[in-house]
Amino acid sequence: MLKIFSIHLILGLAVSSANAQFYFPNEANQVPNYGRCITPNRERALCIHLEDCKYLYGILTSTPLLDADKLYLSRSQCGYFNHKVLICCPDRYRDTTPVTTVRPVTNKTNTSLLPLPGQCGNILSNRIYGGVKTKIDEFPWMALIEYTKGSGNKGHHCGGSLISTRYVVTASHCVNGKSLPTDWRLTGVRLGEWDTETNPDCEVDVRGMKDCAPPHLDVPVERTIPHPSYDPSSRNQLNDIALLRLARQIEYTDFVRPICLPLDTNLRSATFDGISMDVAGWGKTEEKSSSNLKLKAAVDGFTLSECQSVYSRQNIVLENTQMCAGGMEGVDSCRGDSGGPLIGLDTNKVNTYYFLAGVVSFGPTPCGLNGWPGVYSRVGAYVDWIQSTLEP
């Protein structure tokens, strides 16, 4: 067990007490707090003693302490008071559950068919990510959806996310949308792609060393499963989510790995207002209709009420199974693809991991308009449907 007075040495935390001069008693649970703060994920939180933030303290005392978790904890520090580290702790991590007790995950069916954190949503700690272009192994759950056209030609026109060895999540409008040409058939999924103009893909690192991925995988789709309540002609595109069952199981590699689903009870109901997330894909850019490289952009969650107000001008009524993000000029899900992922970051007692917060549904035309966020299907609202639909 780590001693609390040595935490700053392990995490490399600052030891100045200048960051926290006062504290405010929290009447609900009598845990002293040192004001409001923002987490590394741009989540509103309270600055409190590290040992009072049960989940984050549990991570710190786990063995081994992963580099990604160490980085998250160090960036979460909000002060140092009376020889104790202060940490920026979200409400969902601030409870009275004993550190040794893991909050249960509520899954109804087919839990064993889905990977859990540690197996999914992995963060590769030996890389520093940033900017618009992704690294060659960043977001390894990203998928391109293949269509075979009436002429026999094939093309990729939607995105998706690998969630298990046999299933990909995408948007329902990519499966049975009203704008899909009648002579197009959804026939496959491409995994392990980074640069669509090369195969295999290679990247030169900061040391001048070439880092190459295996050739991408083109996997046939055995069955398309649009959400049964999706109406292709609806204005609000409610229930715009679908599953693709692959014709065979795939093996995980560093370049082909699943993203986690928001299985935790708190994540299922979370709306992610003001929280920073990533949208990624090979979608439209300012310069050309699509990018050969996998791109990403950071977008902030929009409150549903604000988003409803914006889209009501177009007579579009949004519901609570949908969510919005973005709305900054020039930065939107144009960086992604229809059906592609809106990616959140979470931390439990053992892992910091990426999860599928949303599926790209629709947005303004042209995209990237100031004040017009993109609309996503909120995946937490569909976890039960996904789990009840999965088959071995």
Protein backbone atom coordinates (compact mmCIF):
# COMPACT_ATOMS: atom_id res chain seq x y z
CA MET A 1 0.00 0.00 0.00
CA LEU A 2 1.37 3.43 -0.94
CA LYS A 3 1.78 5.98 1.81
CA ILE A 4 -0.22 9.14 1.18
CA PHE A 5 2.76 11.39 2.00
CA SER A 6 4.80 9.80 -0.80
CA ILE A 7 2.20 10.07 -3.53
CA HIS A 8 3.68 13.27 -4.93
CA LEU A 9 6.99 11.49 -5.47
CA ILE A 10 5.37 8.61 -7.35
CA LEU A 11 3.16 10.76 -9.58
CA GLY A 12 5.54 13.67 -9.93
CA LEU A 13 2.95 16.02 -8.44
CA ALA A 14 3.64 19.58 -7.40
CA VAL A 15 3.98 20.13 -3.68
CA SER A 16 3.18 23.83 -3.43
CA SER A 17 0.22 24.65 -1.22
CA ALA A 18 -0.38 27.92 -3.08
CA ASN A 19 -2.99 26.26 -5.28
CA ALA A 20 -5.35 25.58 -2.39
CA GLN A 21 -5.71 28.19 0.32
CA PHE A 22 -9.27 27.57 1.45
CA TYR A 23 -11.69 24.70 1.73
CA PHE A 24 -15.46 24.49 1.79
CA PRO A 25 -17.26 21.80 3.80
CA ASN A 26 -19.53 19.63 1.72
CA GLU A 27 -22.65 19.35 3.83
CA ALA A 28 -23.86 16.26 2.00
CA ASN A 29 -21.03 14.01 3.09
CA GLN A 30 -18.77 16.26 5.19
CA VAL A 31 -15.87 15.76 2.79
CA PRO A 32 -13.84 18.99 2.71
CA ASN A 33 -13.44 20.45 -0.77
CA TYR A 34 -11.23 23.18 -2.14
CA GLY A 35 -13.49 24.59 -4.83
CA ARG A 36 -14.59 23.64 -8.32
CA CYS A 37 -12.16 22.31 -10.93
CA ILE A 38 -12.06 20.76 -14.40
CA THR A 39 -10.66 17.25 -14.96
CA PRO A 40 -8.25 16.35 -17.79
CA ASN A 41 -11.37 15.18 -19.69
CA ARG A 42 -12.95 18.63 -19.28
CA GLU A 43 -15.46 17.33 -16.74
CA ARG A 44 -16.74 19.58 -13.95
CA ALA A 45 -15.59 18.31 -10.56
CA LEU A 46 -14.58 19.17 -6.99
CA CYS A 47 -11.03 19.55 -5.70
CA ILE A 48 -10.75 17.21 -2.67
CA HIS A 49 -8.22 15.08 -0.79
CA LEU A 50 -7.10 12.19 -2.95
CA GLU A 51 -8.08 9.57 -0.36
CA ASP A 52 -11.65 10.96 -0.41
CA CYS A 53 -11.93 10.27 -4.16
CA LYS A 54 -12.50 6.53 -3.82
CA TYR A 55 -12.11 5.47 -7.45
CA LEU A 56 -8.97 7.48 -8.18
CA TYR A 57 -7.40 6.49 -4.88
CA GLY A 58 -8.18 2.87 -5.73
CA ILE A 59 -6.35 3.26 -9.04
CA LEU A 60 -3.34 4.75 -7.31
CA THR A 61 -3.09 1.83 -4.91
CA SER A 62 -3.51 -0.80 -7.63
CA THR A 63 -0.57 -2.88 -8.81
CA PRO A 64 0.94 -2.33 -11.26
CA LEU A 65 0.18 1.38 -11.73
CA LEU A 66 -0.16 1.81 -15.48
CA ASP A 67 1.60 4.73 -17.21
CA ALA A 68 -1.70 5.99 -18.64
CA ASP A 69 -3.31 6.00 -15.18
CA LYS A 70 -0.26 7.70 -13.68
CA LEU A 71 -0.51 10.44 -16.33
CA TYR A 72 -4.24 10.90 -15.72
CA LEU A 73 -3.73 11.18 -11.97
CA SER A 74 -0.88 13.65 -12.26
CA ARG A 75 -2.91 15.85 -14.59
CA SER A 76 -5.85 15.67 -12.18
CA GLN A 77 -3.96 17.26 -9.30
CA CYS A 78 -5.56 20.54 -8.20
CA GLY A 79 -3.35 21.43 -5.24
CA TYR A 80 -1.46 20.26 -2.18
CA PHE A 81 -2.67 21.08 1.34
CA ASN A 82 -1.32 20.07 4.76
CA HIS A 83 0.99 17.45 3.19
CA LYS A 84 -1.91 15.88 1.28
CA VAL A 85 -2.45 15.74 -2.47
CA LEU A 86 -5.66 17.32 -3.76
CA ILE A 87 -7.29 15.72 -6.79
CA CYS A 88 -9.96 16.91 -9.22
CA CYS A 89 -12.69 14.35 -8.53
CA PRO A 90 -15.94 14.02 -10.55
CA ASP A 91 -19.15 13.33 -8.62
CA ARG A 92 -19.37 9.76 -9.93
CA TYR A 93 -15.98 8.92 -8.38
CA ARG A 94 -16.74 10.64 -5.09
CA ASP A 95 -18.70 8.14 -3.03
CA THR A 96 -18.36 6.19 0.20
CA THR A 97 -17.87 2.79 -1.40
CA PRO A 98 -14.85 1.04 0.17
CA VAL A 99 -11.81 1.17 -2.09
CA THR A 100 -11.71 -2.62 -2.27
CA THR A 101 -15.26 -2.82 -3.60
CA VAL A 102 -15.78 -2.44 -7.34
CA ARG A 103 -19.06 -0.81 -8.31
CA PRO A 104 -21.09 -3.44 -10.16
CA VAL A 105 -21.63 -3.21 -13.89
CA THR A 106 -25.26 -3.69 -14.81
CA ASN A 107 -25.45 -6.04 -17.79
CA LYS A 108 -28.59 -7.95 -18.61
CA THR A 109 -27.54 -10.51 -21.19
CA ASN A 110 -24.61 -11.77 -23.21
CA THR A 111 -22.02 -10.01 -21.06
CA SER A 112 -19.44 -12.64 -21.96
CA LEU A 113 -19.67 -11.68 -25.64
CA LEU A 114 -18.37 -8.18 -24.94
CA PRO A 115 -14.80 -7.35 -23.91
CA LEU A 116 -14.35 -5.39 -20.68
CA PRO A 117 -11.91 -2.56 -19.85
CA GLY A 118 -8.42 -3.97 -20.06
CA GLN A 119 -9.44 -5.91 -23.17
CA CYS A 120 -11.05 -2.96 -24.96
CA GLY A 121 -10.51 0.77 -25.36
CA ASN A 122 -6.80 0.43 -24.67
CA ILE A 123 -4.49 3.43 -24.45
CA LEU A 124 -0.97 2.75 -25.66
CA SER A 125 1.16 4.57 -23.09
CA ASN A 126 4.33 4.72 -25.20
CA ARG A 127 2.82 7.28 -27.56
CA ILE A 128 2.01 10.96 -27.20
CA TYR A 129 -1.11 11.82 -29.14
CA GLY A 130 -2.14 15.23 -30.34
CA GLY A 131 -3.07 17.26 -33.37
CA VAL A 132 -5.45 16.37 -36.17
CA LYS A 133 -3.70 13.38 -37.74
CA THR A 134 -3.89 10.16 -35.76
CA LYS A 135 -0.96 7.88 -35.09
CA ILE A 136 -0.79 4.61 -37.00
CA ASP A 137 -2.17 2.56 -34.09
CA GLU A 138 -4.47 5.19 -32.58
CA PHE A 139 -8.17 4.25 -32.25
CA PRO A 140 -7.63 0.66 -33.50
CA TRP A 141 -11.40 -0.07 -33.34
CA MET A 142 -12.12 2.21 -36.30
CA ALA A 143 -13.80 0.51 -39.23
CA LEU A 144 -14.64 1.47 -42.80
CA ILE A 145 -17.93 0.14 -44.15
CA GLU A 146 -17.73 -1.36 -47.65
CA TYR A 147 -20.50 -1.21 -50.24
CA THR A 148 -20.70 -3.17 -53.48
CA LYS A 149 -22.41 -1.08 -56.14
CA GLY A 150 -24.52 -2.12 -59.10
CA SER A 151 -21.50 -1.87 -61.38
CA GLY A 152 -19.59 -4.32 -59.19
CA ASN A 153 -17.24 -1.63 -57.93
CA LYS A 154 -16.62 -1.36 -54.20
CA GLY A 155 -16.30 1.74 -52.06
CA HIS A 156 -16.24 2.90 -48.42
CA HIS A 157 -18.92 5.41 -47.52
CA CYS A 158 -19.54 5.02 -43.77
CA GLY A 159 -17.60 4.34 -40.62
CA GLY A 160 -18.06 2.07 -37.64
CA SER A 161 -16.51 0.77 -34.41
CA LEU A 162 -15.39 -2.75 -33.58
CA ILE A 163 -16.93 -3.84 -30.24
CA SER A 164 -16.09 -7.57 -30.21
CA THR A 165 -14.50 -10.28 -32.32
CA ARG A 166 -17.72 -10.56 -34.34
CA TYR A 167 -19.60 -7.21 -34.25
CA VAL A 168 -19.25 -3.63 -35.47
CA VAL A 169 -21.49 -0.74 -34.41
CA THR A 170 -22.49 1.81 -37.04
CA ALA A 171 -25.42 4.09 -37.85
CA SER A 172 -28.69 2.62 -39.06
CA HIS A 173 -28.81 5.13 -41.90
CA CYS A 174 -25.65 3.42 -43.22
CA VAL A 175 -27.64 0.16 -43.42
CA ASN A 176 -31.14 1.14 -44.51
CA GLY A 177 -31.07 4.92 -44.87
CA LYS A 178 -33.32 6.59 -47.42
CA SER A 179 -30.36 8.19 -49.23
CA LEU A 180 -28.60 4.88 -49.94
CA PRO A 181 -28.78 4.01 -53.65
CA THR A 182 -31.02 1.01 -54.25
CA ASP A 183 -28.30 -0.89 -56.12
CA TRP A 184 -25.78 -0.63 -53.27
CA ARG A 185 -25.24 -3.59 -50.93
CA LEU A 186 -23.37 -3.39 -47.63
CA THR A 187 -20.94 -6.27 -48.05
CA GLY A 188 -17.90 -5.83 -45.82
CA VAL A 189 -15.88 -4.04 -43.17
CA ARG A 190 -12.26 -2.91 -43.34
CA LEU A 191 -10.29 -3.07 -40.08
CA GLY A 192 -6.74 -2.02 -39.24
CA GLU A 193 -6.75 0.82 -41.77
CA TRP A 194 -4.86 4.10 -41.35
CA ASP A 195 -3.84 5.41 -44.77
CA THR A 196 -6.27 4.32 -47.48
CA GLU A 197 -3.65 4.95 -50.18
CA THR A 198 -1.09 2.46 -48.86
CA ASN A 199 -1.10 -1.19 -47.79
CA PRO A 200 0.57 -1.98 -45.51
CA ASP A 201 0.68 1.36 -43.72
CA CYS A 202 3.96 2.75 -42.37
CA GLU A 203 4.77 5.75 -40.18
CA VAL A 204 8.17 7.29 -39.39
CA ASP A 205 8.55 8.04 -35.67
CA VAL A 206 10.46 10.86 -33.98
CA ARG A 207 13.66 8.79 -34.03
CA GLY A 208 13.41 8.34 -37.79
CA MET A 209 12.44 4.68 -37.38
CA LYS A 210 9.79 3.23 -39.65
CA ASP A 211 6.79 1.75 -37.83
CA CYS A 212 4.66 -0.49 -40.04
CA ALA A 213 1.30 -2.14 -39.44
CA PRO A 214 0.21 -5.47 -40.90
CA PRO A 215 -1.96 -5.29 -44.04
CA HIS A 216 -5.51 -4.16 -43.34
CA LEU A 217 -8.31 -6.72 -42.97
CA ASP A 218 -11.30 -6.85 -45.29
CA VAL A 219 -13.95 -8.95 -43.57
CA PRO A 220 -17.30 -9.88 -45.18
CA VAL A 221 -20.48 -8.93 -43.33
CA GLU A 222 -22.76 -11.87 -42.60
CA ARG A 223 -25.79 -9.88 -41.43
CA THR A 224 -26.84 -6.26 -41.06
CA ILE A 225 -29.03 -5.46 -38.03
CA PRO A 226 -30.59 -1.97 -38.09
CA HIS A 227 -32.35 -0.89 -34.92
CA PRO A 228 -35.94 -2.17 -35.22
CA SER A 229 -37.41 1.25 -34.31
CA TYR A 230 -35.35 3.29 -36.79
CA ASP A 231 -37.46 5.13 -39.37
CA PRO A 232 -35.33 6.09 -42.41
CA SER A 233 -37.73 8.91 -43.36
CA SER A 234 -37.82 10.56 -39.91
CA ARG A 235 -36.48 14.10 -39.58
CA ASN A 236 -34.84 13.48 -36.21
CA GLN A 237 -33.26 10.12 -37.18
CA LEU A 238 -34.14 8.60 -33.82
CA ASN A 239 -32.60 5.16 -33.08
CA ASP A 240 -29.91 5.72 -35.72
CA ILE A 241 -27.75 2.79 -34.65
CA ALA A 242 -27.08 -0.64 -36.16
CA LEU A 243 -24.97 -3.75 -35.67
CA LEU A 244 -22.97 -5.56 -38.33
CA ARG A 245 -22.23 -9.23 -37.71
CA LEU A 246 -18.97 -10.26 -39.34
CA ALA A 247 -18.79 -13.49 -41.32
CA ARG A 248 -15.94 -14.74 -39.12
CA GLN A 249 -14.28 -13.99 -35.82
CA ILE A 250 -11.27 -11.71 -36.04
CA GLU A 251 -8.14 -11.81 -33.91
CA TYR A 252 -7.08 -8.76 -31.94
CA THR A 253 -3.74 -7.08 -32.65
CA ASP A 254 -2.17 -3.74 -31.74
CA PHE A 255 -3.88 -2.33 -34.85
CA VAL A 256 -7.25 -4.11 -34.59
CA ARG A 257 -8.83 -3.88 -31.15
CA PRO A 258 -12.35 -3.22 -29.83
CA ILE A 259 -13.62 -0.11 -28.11
CA CYS A 260 -15.49 -0.53 -24.83
CA LEU A 261 -19.22 0.05 -24.55
CA PRO A 262 -20.52 2.31 -21.75
CA LEU A 263 -21.60 -0.60 -19.54
CA ASP A 264 -21.23 1.17 -16.20
CA THR A 265 -24.56 2.41 -14.85
CA ASN A 266 -23.29 5.98 -14.63
CA LEU A 267 -21.98 5.99 -18.18
CA ARG A 268 -25.24 4.58 -19.52
CA SER A 269 -27.17 7.61 -18.29
CA ALA A 270 -24.44 10.24 -18.73
CA THR A 271 -25.11 13.09 -21.15
CA PHE A 272 -21.48 14.36 -21.27
CA ASP A 273 -22.42 18.04 -21.15
CA GLY A 274 -19.27 20.12 -21.54
CA ILE A 275 -17.00 17.06 -21.58
CA SER A 276 -14.29 16.86 -24.23
CA MET A 277 -14.45 13.83 -26.53
CA ASP A 278 -12.89 12.78 -29.83
CA VAL A 279 -14.55 12.16 -33.17
CA ALA A 280 -12.46 10.34 -35.76
CA GLY A 281 -12.59 8.96 -39.27
CA TRP A 282 -11.72 9.51 -42.92
CA GLY A 283 -14.63 11.89 -43.55
CA LYS A 284 -14.94 15.22 -45.30
CA THR A 285 -12.25 17.86 -44.82
CA GLU A 286 -11.97 21.50 -45.88
CA GLU A 287 -9.66 20.64 -48.78
CA LYS A 288 -11.26 17.57 -50.34
CA SER A 289 -14.21 15.26 -50.01
CA SER A 290 -12.37 12.69 -47.92
CA SER A 291 -8.99 12.10 -46.32
CA ASN A 292 -6.66 9.21 -47.02
CA LEU A 293 -5.44 9.42 -43.40
CA LYS A 294 -7.51 8.69 -40.33
CA LEU A 295 -8.21 12.06 -38.69
CA LYS A 296 -9.52 13.15 -35.31
CA ALA A 297 -10.96 16.25 -33.69
CA ALA A 298 -11.79 17.18 -30.11
CA VAL A 299 -15.40 18.22 -29.56
CA ASP A 300 -17.21 19.24 -26.39
CA GLY A 301 -20.56 17.83 -25.35
CA PHE A 302 -23.54 20.18 -25.80
CA THR A 303 -26.50 20.16 -23.42
CA LEU A 304 -29.52 18.48 -24.99
CA SER A 305 -31.77 21.44 -24.17
CA GLU A 306 -29.44 23.84 -25.99
CA CYS A 307 -29.16 21.45 -28.91
CA GLN A 308 -32.94 20.99 -29.07
CA SER A 309 -33.29 24.76 -29.24
CA VAL A 310 -30.87 24.94 -32.18
CA TYR A 311 -32.44 22.12 -34.21
CA SER A 312 -36.02 23.18 -33.50
CA ARG A 313 -35.37 25.96 -36.04
CA GLN A 314 -35.34 23.18 -38.66
CA ASN A 315 -38.41 21.47 -37.14
CA ILE A 316 -36.21 18.66 -35.84
CA VAL A 317 -37.20 17.35 -32.40
CA LEU A 318 -34.34 15.63 -30.57
CA GLU A 319 -34.92 13.07 -27.80
CA ASN A 320 -32.87 11.88 -24.82
CA THR A 321 -31.49 8.86 -26.68
CA GLN A 322 -29.57 11.39 -28.75
CA MET A 323 -26.71 13.68 -27.78
CA CYS A 324 -24.88 16.60 -29.31
CA ALA A 325 -21.24 17.65 -29.47
CA GLY A 326 -19.18 20.21 -31.32
CA GLY A 327 -20.62 23.46 -32.60
CA MET A 328 -17.29 25.24 -33.08
CA GLU A 329 -16.67 26.70 -36.50
CA GLY A 330 -14.60 24.36 -38.68
CA VAL A 331 -14.37 21.58 -36.06
CA ASP A 332 -17.08 18.95 -36.20
CA SER A 333 -17.87 15.40 -37.17
CA CYS A 334 -16.79 16.40 -40.67
CA ARG A 335 -13.58 14.93 -39.31
CA GLY A 336 -15.40 11.65 -38.95
CA ASP A 337 -17.75 9.49 -40.94
CA SER A 338 -21.42 8.69 -40.68
CA GLY A 339 -21.68 5.75 -38.29
CA GLY A 340 -18.27 6.45 -36.82
CA PRO A 341 -17.48 6.84 -33.12
CA LEU A 342 -17.72 9.70 -30.68
CA ILE A 343 -15.05 8.58 -28.22
CA GLY A 344 -15.06 9.22 -24.48
CA LEU A 345 -12.40 8.50 -21.86
CA ASP A 346 -13.19 6.95 -18.49
CA THR A 347 -11.27 5.61 -15.50
CA ASN A 348 -12.29 2.79 -13.20
CA LYS A 349 -10.25 1.30 -10.38
CA VAL A 350 -8.05 -0.68 -12.71
CA ASN A 351 -7.98 0.97 -16.12
CA THR A 352 -8.20 4.23 -17.99
CA TYR A 353 -9.97 3.33 -21.22
CA TYR A 354 -11.83 4.67 -24.24
CA PHE A 355 -15.53 3.94 -24.67
CA LEU A 356 -18.12 4.49 -27.40
CA ALA A 357 -20.12 7.49 -26.21
CA GLY A 358 -21.96 8.18 -29.47
CA VAL A 359 -22.45 7.18 -33.09
CA VAL A 360 -22.27 9.91 -35.76
CA SER A 361 -25.83 10.49 -37.00
CA PHE A 362 -26.31 13.88 -38.70
CA GLY A 363 -25.45 17.56 -38.56
CA PRO A 364 -25.71 20.85 -40.43
CA THR A 365 -24.79 21.28 -44.08
CA PRO A 366 -22.17 22.56 -44.59
CA CYS A 367 -20.66 21.01 -41.51
CA GLY A 368 -18.59 22.86 -38.95
CA LEU A 369 -21.05 25.76 -38.61
CA ASN A 370 -20.58 27.85 -35.50
CA GLY A 371 -23.32 27.13 -32.96
CA TRP A 372 -24.59 24.01 -34.78
CA PRO A 373 -23.31 20.87 -33.02
CA GLY A 374 -23.39 17.43 -34.59
CA VAL A 375 -26.06 14.95 -33.50
CA TYR A 376 -25.12 11.47 -32.28
CA SER A 377 -27.01 8.40 -31.13
CA ARG A 378 -26.20 8.15 -27.41
CA VAL A 379 -24.82 4.61 -27.08
CA GLY A 380 -25.57 4.32 -23.35
CA ALA A 381 -29.27 4.31 -24.21
CA TYR A 382 -28.80 1.28 -26.49
CA VAL A 383 -26.60 -1.00 -24.39
CA ASP A 384 -29.54 -3.28 -23.51
CA TRP A 385 -30.54 -3.62 -27.17
CA ILE A 386 -26.96 -4.33 -28.23
CA GLN A 387 -26.48 -7.00 -25.55
CA SER A 388 -29.81 -8.69 -26.31
CA THR A 389 -28.93 -8.80 -30.04
CA LEU A 390 -25.43 -10.27 -29.83
CA GLU A 391 -24.95 -13.93 -30.66
CA PRO A 392 -21.85 -16.14 -30.17
